[in-house]
């Protein structure tokens, strides 16, 4: 017998709504408000980009849990998940079905975005799915064996998510003149706007890797935190935080935006509170609530940044 319920398994153990939703919503919000600033905002493509991105993330999360439990049947890191599997509350077959459903629905949603944006969107979508699978799958999972989880998060959940969302919105509004009119926004301002989302999203993974350091070492998994140690992982966290807050200052000084672009600086007090807790926490239990709080930092920053981009 077990007291683990299906609702607990699918909600708190697999969907992780307190950080998958912010990491999916934040880049779309920023990209959409940049598109609004440029006069090319399109609600339909924005919503579909959010849904597709969220589904790809969920597919990656379920895949990671599936692979972890297949390799480590007595995993001390997730004892209640192991308990649920043994009690039949959830099965490996159900996890495989959930993985397939996430990616299939994401591809179906993406068909319209491919229609709007062409082969570039198709390539980006397939690459994103491949990255979320390769993070934990195969004989050489990138996130667990080469310390490549951090750059994968930075590129795909930050840079790619923002720029691809902007791309499909602009393409849907001005397809004929798109390549000429919006090229500079995609290569310069769009890239700069994506960096805070990339940095703050990666920080969620940094906290996870510091929190799970002991378990990852036991399982011979080489995350970046395992490779460089918890002290330097915290330095990485601080550096990414500094990058996020340097971007609106740079955009303000460059003369392309008004003072509104500095609104994200208003989230610094909460970001500092969370950072201090991350630096002071030493146990797994102390670090558990830090992941959703880092998601809150991301979402708060994204809302303020989006307003600044729209009105700047």
Protein backbone atom coordinates (compact mmCIF):
# COMPACT_ATOMS: atom_id res chain seq x y z
CA UNK A 1 0.00 0.00 0.00
CA UNK A 2 1.04 3.59 -0.57
CA UNK A 3 -0.34 7.01 0.21
CA UNK A 4 1.00 8.45 -3.05
CA UNK A 5 -1.90 9.45 -5.29
CA UNK A 6 -2.06 9.72 -9.08
CA UNK A 7 -2.80 13.40 -8.70
CA UNK A 8 0.39 13.88 -6.69
CA UNK A 9 2.43 11.92 -9.24
CA UNK A 10 1.20 13.81 -12.28
CA UNK A 11 0.98 17.20 -10.59
CA UNK A 12 3.88 17.70 -8.22
CA UNK A 13 6.20 14.95 -9.52
CA UNK A 14 5.86 15.37 -13.28
CA UNK A 15 4.20 18.63 -14.33
CA UNK A 16 6.20 20.88 -11.96
CA UNK A 17 3.77 23.75 -12.68
CA UNK A 18 5.60 26.20 -10.41
CA UNK A 19 8.59 26.29 -12.73
CA UNK A 20 7.60 24.75 -16.08
CA UNK A 21 4.84 27.33 -16.55
CA UNK A 22 7.09 30.34 -15.79
CA UNK A 23 9.88 29.01 -18.01
CA UNK A 24 7.42 28.50 -20.87
CA UNK A 25 5.51 31.76 -20.36
CA UNK A 26 8.36 34.18 -19.67
CA UNK A 27 10.13 34.06 -23.08
CA UNK A 28 6.82 34.27 -24.94
CA UNK A 29 5.76 37.27 -22.87
CA UNK A 30 9.05 39.09 -23.55
CA UNK A 31 9.05 38.24 -27.26
CA UNK A 32 5.42 39.29 -27.64
CA UNK A 33 5.98 42.69 -26.01
CA UNK A 34 9.03 43.27 -28.19
CA UNK A 35 6.80 42.43 -31.15
CA UNK A 36 4.20 44.86 -29.80
CA UNK A 37 6.89 47.55 -29.63
CA UNK A 38 7.79 46.82 -33.26
CA UNK A 39 4.15 46.72 -34.42
CA UNK A 40 4.11 43.03 -35.32
CA UNK A 41 2.40 41.43 -32.30
CA UNK A 42 0.16 38.46 -33.14
CA UNK A 43 -1.84 36.80 -30.36
CA UNK A 44 -2.52 33.47 -32.09
CA UNK A 45 1.11 32.59 -32.88
CA UNK A 46 2.13 33.78 -29.40
CA UNK A 47 -0.33 31.45 -27.65
CA UNK A 48 0.63 28.51 -29.89
CA UNK A 49 4.34 29.19 -29.29
CA UNK A 50 3.69 29.10 -25.54
CA UNK A 51 1.74 25.83 -25.77
CA UNK A 52 4.31 24.15 -28.00
CA UNK A 53 7.18 25.29 -25.79
CA UNK A 54 5.46 24.13 -22.62
CA UNK A 55 4.70 20.71 -24.12
CA UNK A 56 8.31 20.26 -25.21
CA UNK A 57 9.43 21.11 -21.68
CA UNK A 58 6.95 18.66 -20.17
CA UNK A 59 8.12 15.99 -22.58
CA UNK A 60 11.67 16.59 -21.41
CA UNK A 61 10.69 16.50 -17.72
CA UNK A 62 8.80 13.21 -18.07
CA UNK A 63 11.63 11.75 -20.16
CA UNK A 64 14.17 12.73 -17.51
CA UNK A 65 12.14 11.08 -14.75
CA UNK A 66 11.52 7.99 -16.90
CA UNK A 67 15.20 7.54 -17.72
CA UNK A 68 16.27 8.19 -14.14
CA UNK A 69 13.91 5.58 -12.72
CA UNK A 70 14.80 3.03 -15.39
CA UNK A 71 18.49 3.37 -14.55
CA UNK A 72 18.10 3.71 -10.78
CA UNK A 73 15.22 1.61 -9.52
CA UNK A 74 16.02 2.38 -5.88
CA UNK A 75 16.66 6.08 -6.40
CA UNK A 76 17.04 7.81 -3.01
CA UNK A 77 16.45 11.17 -4.67
CA UNK A 78 12.82 10.36 -5.56
CA UNK A 79 11.62 7.83 -2.95
CA UNK A 80 7.93 8.63 -3.35
CA UNK A 81 8.13 8.21 -7.11
CA UNK A 82 9.80 4.81 -6.61
CA UNK A 83 7.05 3.94 -4.14
CA UNK A 84 4.37 4.96 -6.66
CA UNK A 85 5.92 2.78 -9.35
CA UNK A 86 6.16 -0.25 -7.09
CA UNK A 87 2.55 0.20 -5.97
CA UNK A 88 1.32 0.51 -9.56
CA UNK A 89 0.04 4.06 -9.10
CA UNK A 90 1.98 4.84 -12.27
CA UNK A 91 3.76 2.57 -14.76
CA UNK A 92 6.63 2.93 -17.19
CA UNK A 93 4.13 2.39 -19.99
CA UNK A 94 2.10 5.39 -18.83
CA UNK A 95 5.26 7.49 -18.71
CA UNK A 96 6.16 6.49 -22.28
CA UNK A 97 2.64 7.35 -23.40
CA UNK A 98 2.87 10.75 -21.70
CA UNK A 99 6.22 11.46 -23.40
CA UNK A 100 4.81 10.57 -26.80
CA UNK A 101 1.67 12.63 -26.20
CA UNK A 102 3.66 15.73 -25.24
CA UNK A 103 5.81 15.64 -28.35
CA UNK A 104 3.04 14.63 -30.76
CA UNK A 105 0.73 17.41 -29.57
CA UNK A 106 3.64 19.88 -29.67
CA UNK A 107 4.29 18.89 -33.29
CA UNK A 108 0.61 19.24 -34.18
CA UNK A 109 0.51 22.70 -32.58
CA UNK A 110 3.69 23.55 -34.43
CA UNK A 111 2.19 22.77 -37.84
CA UNK A 112 0.50 26.16 -37.92
CA UNK A 113 3.68 27.88 -36.81
CA UNK A 114 5.57 26.11 -39.61
CA UNK A 115 2.89 27.29 -42.02
CA UNK A 116 3.50 30.84 -40.80
CA UNK A 117 7.27 30.82 -40.46
CA UNK A 118 8.40 28.16 -42.91
CA UNK A 119 11.21 25.65 -42.70
CA UNK A 120 13.14 27.71 -40.12
CA UNK A 121 10.39 27.06 -37.56
CA UNK A 122 10.36 23.36 -38.41
CA UNK A 123 14.12 23.11 -37.83
CA UNK A 124 13.87 25.02 -34.54
CA UNK A 125 10.99 22.85 -33.33
CA UNK A 126 12.70 19.56 -34.16
CA UNK A 127 15.97 20.77 -32.63
CA UNK A 128 14.14 21.74 -29.43
CA UNK A 129 12.51 18.32 -29.17
CA UNK A 130 15.85 16.62 -29.84
CA UNK A 131 17.54 18.72 -27.14
CA UNK A 132 14.87 17.89 -24.55
CA UNK A 133 15.22 14.18 -25.36
CA UNK A 134 19.02 14.10 -25.48
CA UNK A 135 19.25 15.90 -22.14
CA UNK A 136 18.63 12.58 -20.37
CA UNK A 137 18.28 9.91 -23.09
CA UNK A 138 20.66 7.64 -24.92
CA UNK A 139 24.01 6.17 -23.97
CA UNK A 140 25.45 9.67 -23.48
CA UNK A 141 22.77 11.95 -21.99
CA UNK A 142 24.05 15.48 -22.38
CA UNK A 143 22.71 16.84 -19.11
CA UNK A 144 23.93 13.95 -16.97
CA UNK A 145 27.23 13.04 -18.57
CA UNK A 146 28.88 16.10 -20.06
CA UNK A 147 27.64 18.98 -17.94
CA UNK A 148 25.84 20.34 -20.98
CA UNK A 149 22.46 20.83 -19.31
CA UNK A 150 23.21 24.45 -18.47
CA UNK A 151 24.10 25.55 -22.03
CA UNK A 152 21.15 23.56 -23.40
CA UNK A 153 18.79 25.41 -21.07
CA UNK A 154 20.41 28.75 -21.88
CA UNK A 155 20.13 28.29 -25.64
CA UNK A 156 16.79 26.54 -26.07
CA UNK A 157 14.68 27.79 -23.14
CA UNK A 158 16.03 31.33 -23.45
CA UNK A 159 17.57 32.48 -26.71
CA UNK A 160 15.65 30.16 -29.05
CA UNK A 161 12.32 30.54 -27.24
CA UNK A 162 12.36 34.34 -27.38
CA UNK A 163 13.68 34.73 -30.90
CA UNK A 164 11.53 31.98 -32.40
CA UNK A 165 8.39 33.43 -30.82
CA UNK A 166 9.20 36.88 -32.17
CA UNK A 167 9.93 35.33 -35.56
CA UNK A 168 6.56 33.59 -35.94
CA UNK A 169 4.64 36.65 -34.73
CA UNK A 170 6.43 39.00 -37.12
CA UNK A 171 6.18 36.52 -39.99
CA UNK A 172 2.43 36.17 -39.50
CA UNK A 173 1.91 39.94 -39.60
CA UNK A 174 4.29 41.00 -42.36
CA UNK A 175 5.35 37.96 -44.39
CA UNK A 176 6.31 39.80 -47.56
CA UNK A 177 8.55 42.39 -45.97
CA UNK A 178 9.54 40.26 -43.01
CA UNK A 179 13.08 39.33 -44.00
CA UNK A 180 14.00 42.97 -44.57
CA UNK A 181 11.98 44.96 -42.05
CA UNK A 182 12.55 42.78 -38.98
CA UNK A 183 16.01 41.38 -39.58
CA UNK A 184 17.71 43.85 -37.21
CA UNK A 185 15.24 43.15 -34.38
CA UNK A 186 15.82 39.40 -34.68
CA UNK A 187 19.60 39.60 -34.74
CA UNK A 188 20.24 42.40 -32.23
CA UNK A 189 17.45 43.57 -29.94
CA UNK A 190 15.78 40.16 -30.04
CA UNK A 191 19.01 38.45 -29.07
CA UNK A 192 19.65 40.92 -26.24
CA UNK A 193 16.09 40.55 -24.98
CA UNK A 194 16.51 36.78 -24.90
CA UNK A 195 19.60 36.82 -22.67
CA UNK A 196 17.84 37.59 -19.34
CA UNK A 197 15.30 34.85 -20.03
CA UNK A 198 18.14 32.45 -20.83
CA UNK A 199 20.09 33.40 -17.72
CA UNK A 200 17.20 33.26 -15.23
CA UNK A 201 15.84 30.01 -16.69
CA UNK A 202 19.28 28.40 -16.46
CA UNK A 203 19.47 29.49 -12.83
CA UNK A 204 16.50 27.22 -12.08
CA UNK A 205 18.58 24.28 -13.33
CA UNK A 206 21.64 25.51 -11.40
CA UNK A 207 19.64 25.32 -8.16
CA UNK A 208 18.39 21.84 -9.05
CA UNK A 209 21.94 20.66 -9.73
CA UNK A 210 23.29 22.10 -6.46
CA UNK A 211 20.37 20.58 -4.56
CA UNK A 212 20.85 17.12 -6.12
CA UNK A 213 24.65 17.12 -6.03
CA UNK A 214 24.95 14.27 -3.54
CA UNK A 215 22.50 12.06 -5.43
CA UNK A 216 24.07 12.83 -8.82
CA UNK A 217 27.49 11.83 -7.52
CA UNK A 218 26.05 8.54 -6.22
CA UNK A 219 24.58 7.84 -9.66
CA UNK A 220 27.81 8.85 -11.42
CA UNK A 221 26.01 11.68 -13.22
CA UNK A 222 28.22 14.60 -14.21
CA UNK A 223 26.15 17.74 -14.14
CA UNK A 224 28.04 21.02 -14.28
CA UNK A 225 27.61 21.37 -10.51
CA UNK A 226 29.24 17.96 -10.02
CA UNK A 227 32.11 18.92 -12.31
CA UNK A 228 32.89 22.35 -10.82
CA UNK A 229 31.55 21.83 -7.30
CA UNK A 230 28.83 23.66 -5.33
CA UNK A 231 30.91 26.80 -4.71
CA UNK A 232 31.53 27.50 -8.40
CA UNK A 233 27.96 26.51 -9.24
CA UNK A 234 26.83 29.31 -6.95
CA UNK A 235 29.28 31.64 -8.71
CA UNK A 236 27.59 30.63 -11.98
CA UNK A 237 24.23 31.49 -10.42
CA UNK A 238 25.46 34.96 -9.44
CA UNK A 239 27.03 35.57 -12.87
CA UNK A 240 23.82 34.65 -14.67
CA UNK A 241 21.85 36.91 -12.34
CA UNK A 242 24.25 39.77 -13.09
CA UNK A 243 23.88 39.17 -16.84
CA UNK A 244 20.09 39.35 -16.57
CA UNK A 245 20.16 42.74 -14.85
CA UNK A 246 22.89 44.16 -17.06
CA UNK A 247 20.79 43.79 -20.22
CA UNK A 248 18.08 46.42 -19.51
CA UNK A 249 20.81 48.85 -18.42
CA UNK A 250 22.61 48.24 -21.71
CA UNK A 251 19.41 48.71 -23.71
CA UNK A 252 18.75 51.97 -21.87
CA UNK A 253 22.26 53.29 -22.49
CA UNK A 254 22.19 52.26 -26.13
CA UNK A 255 19.44 54.80 -26.74
CA UNK A 256 16.96 52.44 -28.35
CA UNK A 257 14.49 52.46 -25.45
CA UNK A 258 13.08 54.91 -22.93
CA UNK A 259 13.40 54.66 -19.14
CA UNK A 260 10.60 52.07 -19.06
CA UNK A 261 13.19 49.47 -20.07
CA UNK A 262 14.71 49.73 -16.59
CA UNK A 263 11.56 48.33 -14.94
CA UNK A 264 13.14 44.86 -14.42
CA UNK A 265 15.50 46.44 -11.90
CA UNK A 266 12.47 46.61 -9.62
CA UNK A 267 12.72 42.84 -9.17
CA UNK A 268 16.27 43.04 -7.76
CA UNK A 269 15.20 43.01 -4.07
CA UNK A 270 13.38 39.69 -4.44
CA UNK A 271 16.13 38.27 -6.65
CA UNK A 272 18.68 39.15 -3.96
CA UNK A 273 16.57 37.52 -1.25
CA UNK A 274 16.39 34.28 -3.26
CA UNK A 275 20.09 34.44 -4.14
CA UNK A 276 21.05 34.82 -0.47
CA UNK A 277 18.94 31.78 0.38
CA UNK A 278 20.58 29.78 -2.42
CA UNK A 279 24.05 30.76 -1.18
CA UNK A 280 23.27 29.99 2.46
CA UNK A 281 21.35 26.73 2.01
CA UNK A 282 23.47 23.64 2.52
CA UNK A 283 21.03 20.74 2.60
CA UNK A 284 18.78 19.15 0.00
CA UNK A 285 15.70 20.06 2.02
CA UNK A 286 16.71 23.72 2.33
CA UNK A 287 17.17 24.01 -1.43
CA UNK A 288 13.88 22.34 -2.45
CA UNK A 289 11.77 25.56 -2.20
CA UNK A 290 14.43 27.56 -4.03
CA UNK A 291 13.51 26.14 -7.45
CA UNK A 292 9.95 27.54 -7.52
CA UNK A 293 11.25 30.81 -6.03
CA UNK A 294 13.74 31.10 -8.87
CA UNK A 295 10.76 30.56 -11.20
CA UNK A 296 9.05 33.47 -9.45
CA UNK A 297 12.11 35.65 -10.01
CA UNK A 298 12.01 34.73 -13.70
CA UNK A 299 8.31 35.49 -14.06
CA UNK A 300 8.46 38.77 -12.13
CA UNK A 301 11.44 39.92 -14.19
CA UNK A 302 9.71 38.86 -17.43
CA UNK A 303 6.53 40.81 -16.62
CA UNK A 304 8.49 43.97 -15.83
CA UNK A 305 10.79 43.51 -18.83
CA UNK A 306 7.84 42.92 -21.13
CA UNK A 307 6.20 46.17 -19.97
CA UNK A 308 9.47 47.99 -20.48
CA UNK A 309 9.86 46.62 -24.00
CA UNK A 310 6.25 47.41 -24.95
CA UNK A 311 6.37 51.02 -23.70
CA UNK A 312 10.05 51.69 -24.38
